């Protein structure tokens, strides 16, 4: 069965989140790159684009989390997000 492709607006922007990360970025969940990921989401949001995340485990350490508008498509093959304790505590209280 073929996967359905959703048409994107002609002005859609494809953003590779890996391009926004520093050289030598780590993928073991020990470092947060939330600011860089949010920058990619913001770039794509303006035109209803696609953000592709690199494979790996990434730390989310801000209670506000990432803002992902409904018009943005996320591609996460092998991407995993883990929450820092401060995030979990703030969500439970």
N, C-alpha and C. Protein backbone atom coordinates (compact mmCIF):
# COMPACT_ATOMS: atom_id res chain seq x y z
N UNK A 1 0.84 -1.17 0.00
CA UNK A 1 0.00 0.00 0.00
C UNK A 1 0.89 1.24 0.00
N UNK A 2 0.64 2.16 -0.88
CA UNK A 2 1.43 3.37 -1.00
C UNK A 2 1.03 4.36 0.08
N UNK A 3 2.01 5.10 0.58
CA UNK A 3 1.73 6.14 1.55
C UNK A 3 1.14 7.34 0.85
N UNK A 4 0.18 7.96 1.49
CA UNK A 4 -0.42 9.16 0.93
C UNK A 4 0.48 10.34 1.21
N UNK A 5 0.71 11.15 0.20
CA UNK A 5 1.50 12.36 0.37
C UNK A 5 0.54 13.53 0.47
N UNK A 6 0.74 14.36 1.48
CA UNK A 6 -0.10 15.54 1.63
C UNK A 6 0.53 16.67 0.83
N UNK A 7 -0.27 17.37 0.06
CA UNK A 7 0.29 18.49 -0.70
C UNK A 7 0.69 19.62 0.23
N UNK A 8 1.84 20.19 -0.03
CA UNK A 8 2.32 21.31 0.75
C UNK A 8 2.13 22.59 -0.06
N UNK A 9 1.97 23.71 0.62
CA UNK A 9 1.88 24.97 -0.10
C UNK A 9 3.15 25.21 -0.91
N UNK A 10 3.04 25.92 -2.01
CA UNK A 10 4.22 26.19 -2.85
C UNK A 10 5.29 26.96 -2.09
N UNK A 11 4.88 27.70 -1.10
CA UNK A 11 5.84 28.48 -0.32
C UNK A 11 6.41 27.71 0.86
N UNK A 12 6.07 26.42 1.00
CA UNK A 12 6.51 25.63 2.15
C UNK A 12 8.03 25.57 2.22
N UNK A 13 8.52 25.59 3.45
CA UNK A 13 9.96 25.55 3.71
C UNK A 13 10.29 24.22 4.35
N UNK A 14 11.31 23.55 3.83
CA UNK A 14 11.82 22.34 4.47
C UNK A 14 13.01 22.74 5.33
N UNK A 15 12.96 22.37 6.59
CA UNK A 15 14.02 22.73 7.53
C UNK A 15 14.61 21.45 8.09
N UNK A 16 15.94 21.35 8.02
CA UNK A 16 16.64 20.25 8.67
C UNK A 16 17.12 20.75 10.02
N UNK A 17 16.56 20.20 11.08
CA UNK A 17 16.95 20.62 12.43
C UNK A 17 18.44 20.38 12.67
N UNK A 18 19.01 19.36 12.05
CA UNK A 18 20.43 19.06 12.23
C UNK A 18 21.30 20.22 11.75
N UNK A 19 20.84 20.96 10.73
CA UNK A 19 21.61 22.09 10.22
C UNK A 19 21.70 23.23 11.23
N UNK A 20 20.81 23.25 12.21
CA UNK A 20 20.79 24.31 13.22
C UNK A 20 21.57 23.94 14.47
N UNK A 21 21.99 22.69 14.57
CA UNK A 21 22.71 22.22 15.76
C UNK A 21 24.20 22.53 15.63
N UNK A 22 24.89 22.68 16.76
CA UNK A 22 26.32 22.96 16.72
C UNK A 22 27.11 21.76 16.20
N UNK A 23 28.29 22.05 15.66
CA UNK A 23 29.17 20.96 15.24
C UNK A 23 29.44 20.04 16.42
N UNK A 24 29.42 18.75 16.17
CA UNK A 24 29.69 17.77 17.21
C UNK A 24 28.54 17.57 18.18
N UNK A 25 27.32 17.92 17.78
CA UNK A 25 26.19 17.76 18.69
C UNK A 25 26.06 16.30 19.12
N UNK A 26 25.55 16.10 20.33
CA UNK A 26 25.43 14.75 20.89
C UNK A 26 24.00 14.26 20.76
N UNK A 27 23.85 12.96 20.65
CA UNK A 27 22.53 12.35 20.43
C UNK A 27 22.19 11.35 21.52
N UNK A 28 22.76 11.56 22.74
CA UNK A 28 22.51 10.61 23.82
C UNK A 28 21.54 11.12 24.87
N UNK A 29 20.90 12.27 24.62
CA UNK A 29 19.93 12.81 25.56
C UNK A 29 20.52 13.58 26.71
N UNK A 30 21.81 13.86 26.67
CA UNK A 30 22.45 14.56 27.78
C UNK A 30 22.48 16.08 27.61
N UNK A 31 22.17 16.56 26.41
CA UNK A 31 22.23 17.99 26.11
C UNK A 31 20.90 18.43 25.51
N UNK A 32 20.45 19.61 25.92
CA UNK A 32 19.21 20.16 25.36
C UNK A 32 19.53 21.07 24.18
N UNK A 33 18.82 20.87 23.10
CA UNK A 33 18.93 21.74 21.93
C UNK A 33 17.56 22.36 21.63
N UNK A 34 16.81 22.62 22.68
CA UNK A 34 15.45 23.13 22.49
C UNK A 34 15.43 24.44 21.72
N UNK A 35 16.34 25.34 22.00
CA UNK A 35 16.36 26.64 21.30
C UNK A 35 16.58 26.44 19.81
N UNK A 36 17.49 25.56 19.45
CA UNK A 36 17.77 25.29 18.03
C UNK A 36 16.57 24.63 17.36
N UNK A 37 15.95 23.66 18.05
CA UNK A 37 14.78 23.00 17.49
C UNK A 37 13.62 23.98 17.32
N UNK A 38 13.44 24.86 18.31
CA UNK A 38 12.36 25.84 18.20
C UNK A 38 12.62 26.80 17.04
N UNK A 39 13.86 27.14 16.82
CA UNK A 39 14.21 28.00 15.69
C UNK A 39 13.80 27.34 14.37
N UNK A 40 14.05 26.06 14.24
CA UNK A 40 13.63 25.34 13.04
C UNK A 40 12.13 25.29 12.89
N UNK A 41 11.43 25.05 13.98
CA UNK A 41 9.97 25.03 13.95
C UNK A 41 9.42 26.39 13.56
N UNK A 42 10.01 27.45 14.10
CA UNK A 42 9.56 28.80 13.77
C UNK A 42 9.78 29.13 12.29
N UNK A 43 10.91 28.70 11.75
CA UNK A 43 11.18 28.95 10.33
C UNK A 43 10.15 28.25 9.44
N UNK A 44 9.83 27.04 9.77
CA UNK A 44 8.89 26.26 8.95
C UNK A 44 7.46 26.74 9.14
N UNK A 45 7.14 27.23 10.30
CA UNK A 45 5.77 27.63 10.62
C UNK A 45 5.26 28.74 9.71
N UNK A 46 6.12 29.66 9.38
CA UNK A 46 5.70 30.81 8.58
C UNK A 46 5.08 30.39 7.25
N UNK A 47 5.48 29.23 6.73
CA UNK A 47 4.96 28.82 5.43
C UNK A 47 4.32 27.44 5.45
N UNK A 48 4.07 26.90 6.62
CA UNK A 48 3.46 25.56 6.69
C UNK A 48 4.39 24.49 6.17
N UNK A 49 5.62 24.51 6.60
CA UNK A 49 6.64 23.62 6.07
C UNK A 49 6.85 22.35 6.87
N UNK A 50 7.99 21.73 6.60
CA UNK A 50 8.37 20.45 7.17
C UNK A 50 9.67 20.62 7.95
N UNK A 51 9.71 20.06 9.16
CA UNK A 51 10.95 20.05 9.94
C UNK A 51 11.37 18.60 10.10
N UNK A 52 12.59 18.31 9.66
CA UNK A 52 13.14 16.96 9.78
C UNK A 52 14.15 16.96 10.92
N UNK A 53 13.92 16.08 11.88
CA UNK A 53 14.81 15.95 13.02
C UNK A 53 15.79 14.80 12.77
N UNK A 54 17.03 14.93 13.27
CA UNK A 54 18.00 13.86 13.09
C UNK A 54 17.70 12.69 14.02
N UNK A 55 18.19 11.51 13.69
CA UNK A 55 18.04 10.38 14.61
C UNK A 55 18.83 10.65 15.89
N UNK A 56 18.32 10.17 16.99
CA UNK A 56 19.02 10.33 18.25
C UNK A 56 18.04 10.62 19.37
N UNK A 57 18.57 10.73 20.57
CA UNK A 57 17.79 11.05 21.76
C UNK A 57 18.15 12.47 22.17
N UNK A 58 17.12 13.30 22.37
CA UNK A 58 17.33 14.70 22.68
C UNK A 58 16.56 15.09 23.93
N UNK A 59 17.19 15.90 24.75
CA UNK A 59 16.66 16.31 26.04
C UNK A 59 15.75 17.52 25.88
N UNK A 60 14.57 17.47 26.48
CA UNK A 60 13.68 18.62 26.59
C UNK A 60 13.71 19.04 28.05
N UNK A 61 14.27 20.22 28.33
CA UNK A 61 14.48 20.61 29.72
C UNK A 61 13.77 21.89 30.13
N UNK A 62 12.89 22.40 29.30
CA UNK A 62 12.11 23.59 29.63
C UNK A 62 10.64 23.20 29.75
N UNK A 63 9.99 23.57 30.84
CA UNK A 63 8.58 23.20 31.03
C UNK A 63 7.66 23.66 29.90
N UNK A 64 8.00 24.75 29.24
CA UNK A 64 7.14 25.25 28.15
C UNK A 64 7.14 24.30 26.95
N UNK A 65 8.17 23.50 26.82
CA UNK A 65 8.25 22.55 25.71
C UNK A 65 8.49 23.24 24.37
N UNK A 66 8.27 22.50 23.30
CA UNK A 66 8.40 23.03 21.95
C UNK A 66 7.02 23.42 21.44
N UNK A 67 6.93 24.54 20.76
CA UNK A 67 5.67 24.99 20.17
C UNK A 67 5.62 24.52 18.72
N UNK A 68 4.67 23.63 18.44
CA UNK A 68 4.53 23.06 17.10
C UNK A 68 3.14 23.40 16.57
N UNK A 69 3.02 24.36 15.67
CA UNK A 69 1.72 24.69 15.10
C UNK A 69 1.17 23.55 14.25
N UNK A 70 -0.13 23.53 14.12
CA UNK A 70 -0.77 22.45 13.36
C UNK A 70 -0.39 22.47 11.89
N UNK A 71 0.09 23.59 11.38
CA UNK A 71 0.45 23.68 9.97
C UNK A 71 1.83 23.11 9.66
N UNK A 72 2.56 22.68 10.68
CA UNK A 72 3.93 22.19 10.50
C UNK A 72 3.96 20.67 10.55
N UNK A 73 4.69 20.08 9.62
CA UNK A 73 4.84 18.62 9.55
C UNK A 73 6.19 18.27 10.16
N UNK A 74 6.20 17.28 11.06
CA UNK A 74 7.43 16.81 11.67
C UNK A 74 7.82 15.47 11.08
N UNK A 75 9.09 15.34 10.74
CA UNK A 75 9.63 14.06 10.27
C UNK A 75 10.66 13.64 11.31
N UNK A 76 10.39 12.52 11.98
CA UNK A 76 11.25 12.08 13.08
C UNK A 76 11.53 10.59 12.94
N UNK A 77 12.46 10.26 12.10
CA UNK A 77 12.84 8.85 11.92
C UNK A 77 14.00 8.54 12.86
N UNK A 78 13.70 7.80 13.91
CA UNK A 78 14.74 7.47 14.88
C UNK A 78 15.00 8.58 15.88
N UNK A 79 14.09 9.55 15.95
CA UNK A 79 14.23 10.66 16.89
C UNK A 79 13.44 10.35 18.14
N UNK A 80 14.04 10.62 19.28
CA UNK A 80 13.35 10.39 20.56
C UNK A 80 13.62 11.59 21.46
N UNK A 81 12.59 12.07 22.12
CA UNK A 81 12.74 13.16 23.07
C UNK A 81 12.54 12.61 24.47
N UNK A 82 13.40 13.02 25.40
CA UNK A 82 13.27 12.65 26.80
C UNK A 82 13.09 13.93 27.60
N UNK A 83 12.34 13.84 28.68
CA UNK A 83 12.05 15.00 29.50
C UNK A 83 12.94 15.02 30.73
N UNK A 84 13.45 16.20 31.06
CA UNK A 84 14.22 16.38 32.28
C UNK A 84 13.29 16.34 33.47
N UNK A 85 13.81 16.04 34.62
CA UNK A 85 13.01 15.95 35.83
C UNK A 85 12.22 17.21 36.12
N UNK A 86 12.80 18.38 35.87
CA UNK A 86 12.11 19.64 36.12
C UNK A 86 10.87 19.75 35.25
N UNK A 87 10.91 19.25 34.05
CA UNK A 87 9.76 19.29 33.15
C UNK A 87 8.66 18.37 33.68
N UNK A 88 9.04 17.19 34.07
CA UNK A 88 8.04 16.24 34.59
C UNK A 88 7.40 16.76 35.87
N UNK A 89 8.19 17.33 36.78
CA UNK A 89 7.66 17.85 38.02
C UNK A 89 6.69 19.01 37.76
N UNK A 90 7.02 19.87 36.80
CA UNK A 90 6.15 21.02 36.53
C UNK A 90 4.83 20.58 35.90
N UNK A 91 4.85 19.49 35.16
CA UNK A 91 3.63 19.00 34.53
C UNK A 91 2.72 18.29 35.54
N UNK A 92 3.29 17.73 36.60
CA UNK A 92 2.54 16.99 37.59
C UNK A 92 1.97 17.89 38.69
N UNK A 93 2.52 19.08 38.83
CA UNK A 93 2.06 19.94 39.94
C UNK A 93 0.97 20.90 39.51
